[in-house]
PDB file of N, CA and C in Angstrom:
ATOM      1  N   UNK A   1      31.422 -51.456  16.202  1.00  0.00           N
ATOM      2  CA  UNK A   1      32.002 -50.238  15.667  1.00  0.00           C
ATOM      3  C   UNK A   1      32.162 -50.340  14.149  1.00  0.00           C
ATOM      4  N   UNK A   2      32.617 -51.503  13.678  1.00  0.00           N
ATOM      5  CA  UNK A   2      32.781 -51.681  12.239  1.00  0.00           C
ATOM      6  C   UNK A   2      31.446 -51.596  11.516  1.00  0.00           C
ATOM      7  N   UNK A   3      30.425 -52.166  12.144  1.00  0.00           N
ATOM      8  CA  UNK A   3      29.093 -52.154  11.545  1.00  0.00           C
ATOM      9  C   UNK A   3      28.597 -50.717  11.391  1.00  0.00           C
ATOM     10  N   UNK A   4      28.798 -49.905  12.401  1.00  0.00           N
ATOM     11  CA  UNK A   4      28.372 -48.504  12.350  1.00  0.00           C
ATOM     12  C   UNK A   4      29.119 -47.743  11.259  1.00  0.00           C
ATOM     13  N   UNK A   5      30.410 -47.990  11.119  1.00  0.00           N
ATOM     14  CA  UNK A   5      31.194 -47.328  10.070  1.00  0.00           C
ATOM     15  C   UNK A   5      30.746 -47.785   8.685  1.00  0.00           C
ATOM     16  N   UNK A   6      30.421 -49.056   8.555  1.00  0.00           N
ATOM     17  CA  UNK A   6      29.944 -49.580   7.279  1.00  0.00           C
ATOM     18  C   UNK A   6      28.617 -48.925   6.896  1.00  0.00           C
ATOM     19  N   UNK A   7      27.701 -48.850   7.838  1.00  0.00           N
ATOM     20  CA  UNK A   7      26.403 -48.226   7.575  1.00  0.00           C
ATOM     21  C   UNK A   7      26.587 -46.745   7.244  1.00  0.00           C
ATOM     22  N   UNK A   8      27.430 -46.055   7.981  1.00  0.00           N
ATOM     23  CA  UNK A   8      27.697 -44.646   7.711  1.00  0.00           C
ATOM     24  C   UNK A   8      28.316 -44.469   6.329  1.00  0.00           C
ATOM     25  N   UNK A   9      29.242 -45.333   5.969  1.00  0.00           N
ATOM     26  CA  UNK A   9      29.869 -45.260   4.657  1.00  0.00           C
ATOM     27  C   UNK A   9      28.883 -45.508   3.524  1.00  0.00           C
ATOM     28  N   UNK A  10      27.997 -46.477   3.700  1.00  0.00           N
ATOM     29  CA  UNK A  10      26.982 -46.761   2.684  1.00  0.00           C
ATOM     30  C   UNK A  10      25.993 -45.602   2.544  1.00  0.00           C
ATOM     31  N   UNK A  11      25.606 -45.022   3.670  1.00  0.00           N
ATOM     32  CA  UNK A  11      24.690 -43.880   3.635  1.00  0.00           C
ATOM     33  C   UNK A  11      25.342 -42.688   2.924  1.00  0.00           C
ATOM     34  N   UNK A  12      26.600 -42.454   3.192  1.00  0.00           N
ATOM     35  CA  UNK A  12      27.320 -41.370   2.538  1.00  0.00           C
ATOM     36  C   UNK A  12      27.452 -41.622   1.039  1.00  0.00           C
ATOM     37  N   UNK A  13      27.764 -42.857   0.666  1.00  0.00           N
ATOM     38  CA  UNK A  13      27.885 -43.204  -0.747  1.00  0.00           C
ATOM     39  C   UNK A  13      26.548 -43.037  -1.473  1.00  0.00           C
ATOM     40  N   UNK A  14      25.465 -43.439  -0.844  1.00  0.00           N
ATOM     41  CA  UNK A  14      24.140 -43.289  -1.451  1.00  0.00           C
ATOM     42  C   UNK A  14      23.772 -41.817  -1.606  1.00  0.00           C
ATOM     43  N   UNK A  15      24.105 -41.018  -0.628  1.00  0.00           N
ATOM     44  CA  UNK A  15      23.817 -39.586  -0.695  1.00  0.00           C
ATOM     45  C   UNK A  15      24.597 -38.927  -1.828  1.00  0.00           C
ATOM     46  N   UNK A  16      25.867 -39.254  -1.932  1.00  0.00           N
ATOM     47  CA  UNK A  16      26.707 -38.683  -2.989  1.00  0.00           C
ATOM     48  C   UNK A  16      26.211 -39.134  -4.363  1.00  0.00           C
ATOM     49  N   UNK A  17      25.870 -40.408  -4.504  1.00  0.00           N
ATOM     50  CA  UNK A  17      25.376 -40.918  -5.786  1.00  0.00           C
ATOM     51  C   UNK A  17      24.071 -40.236  -6.184  1.00  0.00           C
ATOM     52  N   UNK A  18      23.193 -40.023  -5.224  1.00  0.00           N
ATOM     53  CA  UNK A  18      21.929 -39.338  -5.506  1.00  0.00           C
ATOM     54  C   UNK A  18      22.178 -37.904  -5.935  1.00  0.00           C
ATOM     55  N   UNK A  19      23.070 -37.224  -5.251  1.00  0.00           N
ATOM     56  CA  UNK A  19      23.377 -35.844  -5.608  1.00  0.00           C
ATOM     57  C   UNK A  19      24.005 -35.754  -7.000  1.00  0.00           C
ATOM     58  N   UNK A  20      24.877 -36.684  -7.315  1.00  0.00           N
ATOM     59  CA  UNK A  20      25.516 -36.681  -8.629  1.00  0.00           C
ATOM     60  C   UNK A  20      24.476 -36.898  -9.728  1.00  0.00           C
ATOM     61  N   UNK A  21      23.525 -37.797  -9.484  1.00  0.00           N
ATOM     62  CA  UNK A  21      22.513 -38.096 -10.505  1.00  0.00           C
ATOM     63  C   UNK A  21      21.517 -36.956 -10.688  1.00  0.00           C
ATOM     64  N   UNK A  22      21.025 -36.395  -9.586  1.00  0.00           N
ATOM     65  CA  UNK A  22      19.948 -35.416  -9.664  1.00  0.00           C
ATOM     66  C   UNK A  22      20.391 -33.972  -9.424  1.00  0.00           C
ATOM     67  N   UNK A  23      21.627 -33.770  -9.010  1.00  0.00           N
ATOM     68  CA  UNK A  23      22.148 -32.442  -8.674  1.00  0.00           C
ATOM     69  C   UNK A  23      21.298 -31.768  -7.610  1.00  0.00           C
ATOM     70  N   UNK A  24      20.683 -32.577  -6.755  1.00  0.00           N
ATOM     71  CA  UNK A  24      19.806 -32.069  -5.713  1.00  0.00           C
ATOM     72  C   UNK A  24      19.547 -33.177  -4.705  1.00  0.00           C
ATOM     73  N   UNK A  25      19.221 -32.783  -3.490  1.00  0.00           N
ATOM     74  CA  UNK A  25      18.820 -33.756  -2.472  1.00  0.00           C
ATOM     75  C   UNK A  25      17.334 -33.597  -2.135  1.00  0.00           C
ATOM     76  N   UNK A  26      16.595 -32.893  -2.998  1.00  0.00           N
ATOM     77  CA  UNK A  26      15.171 -32.656  -2.808  1.00  0.00           C
ATOM     78  C   UNK A  26      14.366 -33.703  -3.587  1.00  0.00           C
ATOM     79  N   UNK A  27      13.581 -34.541  -2.893  1.00  0.00           N
ATOM     80  CA  UNK A  27      12.824 -35.575  -3.595  1.00  0.00           C
ATOM     81  C   UNK A  27      11.782 -35.013  -4.568  1.00  0.00           C
ATOM     82  N   UNK A  28      11.305 -33.798  -4.342  1.00  0.00           N
ATOM     83  CA  UNK A  28      10.369 -33.189  -5.295  1.00  0.00           C
ATOM     84  C   UNK A  28      11.077 -32.948  -6.632  1.00  0.00           C
ATOM     85  N   UNK A  29      12.329 -32.557  -6.565  1.00  0.00           N
ATOM     86  CA  UNK A  29      13.125 -32.344  -7.765  1.00  0.00           C
ATOM     87  C   UNK A  29      13.412 -33.667  -8.472  1.00  0.00           C
ATOM     88  N   UNK A  30      13.680 -34.723  -7.705  1.00  0.00           N
ATOM     89  CA  UNK A  30      13.925 -36.044  -8.305  1.00  0.00           C
ATOM     90  C   UNK A  30      12.711 -36.483  -9.105  1.00  0.00           C
ATOM     91  N   UNK A  31      11.536 -36.342  -8.507  1.00  0.00           N
ATOM     92  CA  UNK A  31      10.302 -36.757  -9.159  1.00  0.00           C
ATOM     93  C   UNK A  31      10.095 -35.961 -10.448  1.00  0.00           C
ATOM     94  N   UNK A  32      10.306 -34.665 -10.369  1.00  0.00           N
ATOM     95  CA  UNK A  32      10.129 -33.808 -11.534  1.00  0.00           C
ATOM     96  C   UNK A  32      11.082 -34.211 -12.661  1.00  0.00           C
ATOM     97  N   UNK A  33      12.332 -34.421 -12.336  1.00  0.00           N
ATOM     98  CA  UNK A  33      13.314 -34.793 -13.354  1.00  0.00           C
ATOM     99  C   UNK A  33      13.006 -36.153 -13.978  1.00  0.00           C
ATOM    100  N   UNK A  34      12.659 -37.136 -13.157  1.00  0.00           N
ATOM    101  CA  UNK A  34      12.358 -38.460 -13.677  1.00  0.00           C
ATOM    102  C   UNK A  34      11.108 -38.460 -14.551  1.00  0.00           C
ATOM    103  N   UNK A  35      10.068 -37.735 -14.124  1.00  0.00           N
ATOM    104  CA  UNK A  35       8.839 -37.661 -14.923  1.00  0.00           C
ATOM    105  C   UNK A  35       9.090 -36.945 -16.245  1.00  0.00           C
ATOM    106  N   UNK A  36       9.875 -35.887 -16.216  1.00  0.00           N
ATOM    107  CA  UNK A  36      10.196 -35.157 -17.449  1.00  0.00           C
ATOM    108  C   UNK A  36      11.011 -36.038 -18.383  1.00  0.00           C
ATOM    109  N   UNK A  37      11.943 -36.777 -17.845  1.00  0.00           N
ATOM    110  CA  UNK A  37      12.775 -37.661 -18.654  1.00  0.00           C
ATOM    111  C   UNK A  37      11.920 -38.753 -19.302  1.00  0.00           C
ATOM    112  N   UNK A  38      11.008 -39.331 -18.536  1.00  0.00           N
ATOM    113  CA  UNK A  38      10.183 -40.417 -19.049  1.00  0.00           C
ATOM    114  C   UNK A  38       9.160 -39.930 -20.073  1.00  0.00           C
ATOM    115  N   UNK A  39       8.552 -38.792 -19.818  1.00  0.00           N
ATOM    116  CA  UNK A  39       7.484 -38.301 -20.693  1.00  0.00           C
ATOM    117  C   UNK A  39       8.002 -37.517 -21.890  1.00  0.00           C
ATOM    118  N   UNK A  40       9.188 -36.944 -21.769  1.00  0.00           N
ATOM    119  CA  UNK A  40       9.713 -36.112 -22.839  1.00  0.00           C
ATOM    120  C   UNK A  40       9.145 -34.701 -22.835  1.00  0.00           C
ATOM    121  N   UNK A  41       8.333 -34.381 -21.826  1.00  0.00           N
ATOM    122  CA  UNK A  41       7.754 -33.044 -21.702  1.00  0.00           C
ATOM    123  C   UNK A  41       8.747 -32.105 -21.026  1.00  0.00           C
ATOM    124  N   UNK A  42       8.606 -30.801 -21.273  1.00  0.00           N
ATOM    125  CA  UNK A  42       9.459 -29.838 -20.572  1.00  0.00           C
ATOM    126  C   UNK A  42       9.213 -29.897 -19.061  1.00  0.00           C
ATOM    127  N   UNK A  43      10.243 -29.594 -18.298  1.00  0.00           N
ATOM    128  CA  UNK A  43      10.132 -29.654 -16.836  1.00  0.00           C
ATOM    129  C   UNK A  43       9.067 -28.712 -16.302  1.00  0.00           C
ATOM    130  N   UNK A  44       8.859 -27.589 -16.960  1.00  0.00           N
ATOM    131  CA  UNK A  44       7.846 -26.641 -16.518  1.00  0.00           C
ATOM    132  C   UNK A  44       6.450 -27.283 -16.578  1.00  0.00           C
ATOM    133  N   UNK A  45       6.178 -28.021 -17.630  1.00  0.00           N
ATOM    134  CA  UNK A  45       4.889 -28.694 -17.780  1.00  0.00           C
ATOM    135  C   UNK A  45       4.745 -29.793 -16.728  1.00  0.00           C
ATOM    136  N   UNK A  46       5.805 -30.540 -16.517  1.00  0.00           N
ATOM    137  CA  UNK A  46       5.779 -31.620 -15.522  1.00  0.00           C
ATOM    138  C   UNK A  46       5.591 -31.034 -14.127  1.00  0.00           C
ATOM    139  N   UNK A  47       6.264 -29.938 -13.833  1.00  0.00           N
ATOM    140  CA  UNK A  47       6.125 -29.286 -12.521  1.00  0.00           C
ATOM    141  C   UNK A  47       4.679 -28.852 -12.284  1.00  0.00           C
ATOM    142  N   UNK A  48       4.047 -28.288 -13.314  1.00  0.00           N
ATOM    143  CA  UNK A  48       2.646 -27.866 -13.187  1.00  0.00           C
ATOM    144  C   UNK A  48       1.732 -29.070 -12.979  1.00  0.00           C
ATOM    145  N   UNK A  49       2.018 -30.147 -13.667  1.00  0.00           N
ATOM    146  CA  UNK A  49       1.212 -31.364 -13.521  1.00  0.00           C
ATOM    147  C   UNK A  49       1.324 -31.943 -12.111  1.00  0.00           C
ATOM    148  N   UNK A  50       2.543 -31.995 -11.592  1.00  0.00           N
ATOM    149  CA  UNK A  50       2.763 -32.508 -10.233  1.00  0.00           C
ATOM    150  C   UNK A  50       2.044 -31.618  -9.223  1.00  0.00           C
ATOM    151  N   UNK A  51       2.190 -30.331  -9.392  1.00  0.00           N
ATOM    152  CA  UNK A  51       1.539 -29.387  -8.466  1.00  0.00           C
ATOM    153  C   UNK A  51       0.022 -29.547  -8.505  1.00  0.00           C
ATOM    154  N   UNK A  52      -0.535 -29.726  -9.702  1.00  0.00           N
ATOM    155  CA  UNK A  52      -1.987 -29.906  -9.843  1.00  0.00           C
ATOM    156  C   UNK A  52      -2.445 -31.189  -9.146  1.00  0.00           C
ATOM    157  N   UNK A  53      -1.661 -32.259  -9.272  1.00  0.00           N
ATOM    158  CA  UNK A  53      -2.023 -33.520  -8.609  1.00  0.00           C
ATOM    159  C   UNK A  53      -2.026 -33.353  -7.089  1.00  0.00           C
ATOM    160  N   UNK A  54      -1.040 -32.662  -6.571  1.00  0.00           N
ATOM    161  CA  UNK A  54      -1.008 -32.412  -5.127  1.00  0.00           C
ATOM    162  C   UNK A  54      -2.179 -31.523  -4.707  1.00  0.00           C
ATOM    163  N   UNK A  55      -2.483 -30.496  -5.507  1.00  0.00           N
ATOM    164  CA  UNK A  55      -3.585 -29.600  -5.172  1.00  0.00           C
ATOM    165  C   UNK A  55      -4.921 -30.339  -5.155  1.00  0.00           C
ATOM    166  N   UNK A  56      -5.101 -31.300  -6.057  1.00  0.00           N
ATOM    167  CA  UNK A  56      -6.333 -32.089  -6.074  1.00  0.00           C
ATOM    168  C   UNK A  56      -6.497 -32.893  -4.785  1.00  0.00           C
ATOM    169  N   UNK A  57      -5.396 -33.192  -4.140  1.00  0.00           N
ATOM    170  CA  UNK A  57      -5.433 -33.904  -2.860  1.00  0.00           C
ATOM    171  C   UNK A  57      -5.472 -32.950  -1.672  1.00  0.00           C
ATOM    172  N   UNK A  58      -5.496 -31.641  -1.947  1.00  0.00           N
ATOM    173  CA  UNK A  58      -5.556 -30.657  -0.881  1.00  0.00           C
ATOM    174  C   UNK A  58      -4.199 -30.310  -0.297  1.00  0.00           C
ATOM    175  N   UNK A  59      -3.136 -30.655  -0.991  1.00  0.00           N
ATOM    176  CA  UNK A  59      -1.778 -30.366  -0.516  1.00  0.00           C
ATOM    177  C   UNK A  59      -1.245 -29.176  -1.304  1.00  0.00           C
ATOM    178  N   UNK A  60      -1.118 -28.036  -0.631  1.00  0.00           N
ATOM    179  CA  UNK A  60      -0.648 -26.839  -1.330  1.00  0.00           C
ATOM    180  C   UNK A  60       0.869 -26.757  -1.385  1.00  0.00           C
ATOM    181  N   UNK A  61       1.528 -27.196  -0.353  1.00  0.00           N
ATOM    182  CA  UNK A  61       2.991 -27.210  -0.303  1.00  0.00           C
ATOM    183  C   UNK A  61       3.436 -28.613   0.120  1.00  0.00           C
ATOM    184  N   UNK A  62       3.766 -29.470  -0.833  1.00  0.00           N
ATOM    185  CA  UNK A  62       4.156 -30.833  -0.469  1.00  0.00           C
ATOM    186  C   UNK A  62       5.462 -30.854   0.327  1.00  0.00           C
ATOM    187  N   UNK A  63       5.479 -31.690   1.338  1.00  0.00           N
ATOM    188  CA  UNK A  63       6.701 -31.842   2.137  1.00  0.00           C
ATOM    189  C   UNK A  63       7.644 -32.807   1.427  1.00  0.00           C
ATOM    190  N   UNK A  64       8.860 -32.871   1.913  1.00  0.00           N
ATOM    191  CA  UNK A  64       9.833 -33.796   1.344  1.00  0.00           C
ATOM    192  C   UNK A  64       9.350 -35.240   1.489  1.00  0.00           C
ATOM    193  N   UNK A  65       8.690 -35.539   2.590  1.00  0.00           N
ATOM    194  CA  UNK A  65       8.175 -36.892   2.812  1.00  0.00           C
ATOM    195  C   UNK A  65       7.090 -37.237   1.793  1.00  0.00           C
ATOM    196  N   UNK A  66       6.202 -36.304   1.514  1.00  0.00           N
ATOM    197  CA  UNK A  66       5.147 -36.545   0.528  1.00  0.00           C
ATOM    198  C   UNK A  66       5.734 -36.723  -0.870  1.00  0.00           C
ATOM    199  N   UNK A  67       6.713 -35.902  -1.208  1.00  0.00           N
ATOM    200  CA  UNK A  67       7.365 -36.033  -2.514  1.00  0.00           C
ATOM    201  C   UNK A  67       8.135 -37.350  -2.610  1.00  0.00           C
ATOM    202  N   UNK A  68       8.799 -37.728  -1.536  1.00  0.00           N
ATOM    203  CA  UNK A  68       9.557 -38.976  -1.543  1.00  0.00           C
ATOM    204  C   UNK A  68       8.624 -40.169  -1.735  1.00  0.00           C
ATOM    205  N   UNK A  69       7.508 -40.154  -1.054  1.00  0.00           N
ATOM    206  CA  UNK A  69       6.525 -41.227  -1.189  1.00  0.00           C
ATOM    207  C   UNK A  69       6.003 -41.303  -2.621  1.00  0.00           C
ATOM    208  N   UNK A  70       5.664 -40.159  -3.178  1.00  0.00           N
ATOM    209  CA  UNK A  70       5.156 -40.107  -4.557  1.00  0.00           C
ATOM    210  C   UNK A  70       6.237 -40.539  -5.538  1.00  0.00           C
ATOM    211  N   UNK A  71       7.486 -40.157  -5.314  1.00  0.00           N
ATOM    212  CA  UNK A  71       8.595 -40.537  -6.197  1.00  0.00           C
ATOM    213  C   UNK A  71       8.794 -42.046  -6.167  1.00  0.00           C
ATOM    214  N   UNK A  72       8.715 -42.651  -4.963  1.00  0.00           N
ATOM    215  CA  UNK A  72       8.838 -44.104  -4.863  1.00  0.00           C
ATOM    216  C   UNK A  72       7.730 -44.801  -5.642  1.00  0.00           C
ATOM    217  N   UNK A  73       6.508 -44.293  -5.529  1.00  0.00           N
ATOM    218  CA  UNK A  73       5.389 -44.868  -6.275  1.00  0.00           C
ATOM    219  C   UNK A  73       5.646 -44.773  -7.777  1.00  0.00           C
ATOM    220  N   UNK A  74       6.119 -43.615  -8.228  1.00  0.00           N
ATOM    221  CA  UNK A  74       6.411 -43.411  -9.649  1.00  0.00           C
ATOM    222  C   UNK A  74       7.493 -44.373 -10.121  1.00  0.00           C
ATOM    223  N   UNK A  75       8.553 -44.511  -9.334  1.00  0.00           N
ATOM    224  CA  UNK A  75       9.645 -45.422  -9.705  1.00  0.00           C
ATOM    225  C   UNK A  75       9.174 -46.875  -9.711  1.00  0.00           C
ATOM    226  N   UNK A  76       8.321 -47.251  -8.755  1.00  0.00           N
ATOM    227  CA  UNK A  76       7.813 -48.619  -8.697  1.00  0.00           C
ATOM    228  C   UNK A  76       6.934 -48.921  -9.915  1.00  0.00           C
ATOM    229  N   UNK A  77       6.110 -47.961 -10.312  1.00  0.00           N
ATOM    230  CA  UNK A  77       5.274 -48.149 -11.493  1.00  0.00           C
ATOM    231  C   UNK A  77       6.134 -48.319 -12.730  1.00  0.00           C
ATOM    232  N   UNK A  78       7.195 -47.520 -12.850  1.00  0.00           N
ATOM    233  CA  UNK A  78       8.102 -47.620 -13.991  1.00  0.00           C
ATOM    234  C   UNK A  78       8.830 -48.942 -14.026  1.00  0.00           C
ATOM    235  N   UNK A  79       9.209 -49.446 -12.854  1.00  0.00           N
ATOM    236  CA  UNK A  79       9.921 -50.720 -12.784  1.00  0.00           C
ATOM    237  C   UNK A  79       9.002 -51.883 -13.152  1.00  0.00           C
ATOM    238  N   UNK A  80       7.735 -51.784 -12.801  1.00  0.00           N
ATOM    239  CA  UNK A  80       6.808 -52.875 -13.103  1.00  0.00           C
ATOM    240  C   UNK A  80       6.414 -52.901 -14.573  1.00  0.00           C
ATOM    241  N   UNK A  81       6.598 -51.786 -15.287  1.00  0.00           N
ATOM    242  CA  UNK A  81       6.237 -51.711 -16.702  1.00  0.00           C
ATOM    243  C   UNK A  81       7.378 -52.131 -17.622  1.00  0.00           C
ATOM    244  N   UNK A  82       8.599 -52.151 -17.114  1.00  0.00           N
ATOM    245  CA  UNK A  82       9.740 -52.531 -17.950  1.00  0.00           C
ATOM    246  C   UNK A  82       9.742 -54.043 -18.156  1.00  0.00           C
ATOM    247  N   UNK A  83      10.191 -54.467 -19.344  1.00  0.00           N
ATOM    248  CA  UNK A  83      10.198 -55.922 -19.634  1.00  0.00           C
ATOM    249  C   UNK A  83      11.193 -56.681 -18.812  1.00  0.00           C
TER     250      UNK A  83
END
């Protein structure tokens, strides 16, 4: 029982922290904000770039899972480039 409460508490804390940072629980929005922050480009330009990349793969409406996967890849690339 304690283990379940601990896991539930950690999941809730992670959800709240994510919402506070991104003001959204949508992984497509997280990716857009992080890419805009890193590149210094306006969010509108970054949104168009992300949409174009998905369209090149034949994805017209990316799902949350596809955005989450792409966001993880983006974050991993950024982490590997930092000193």
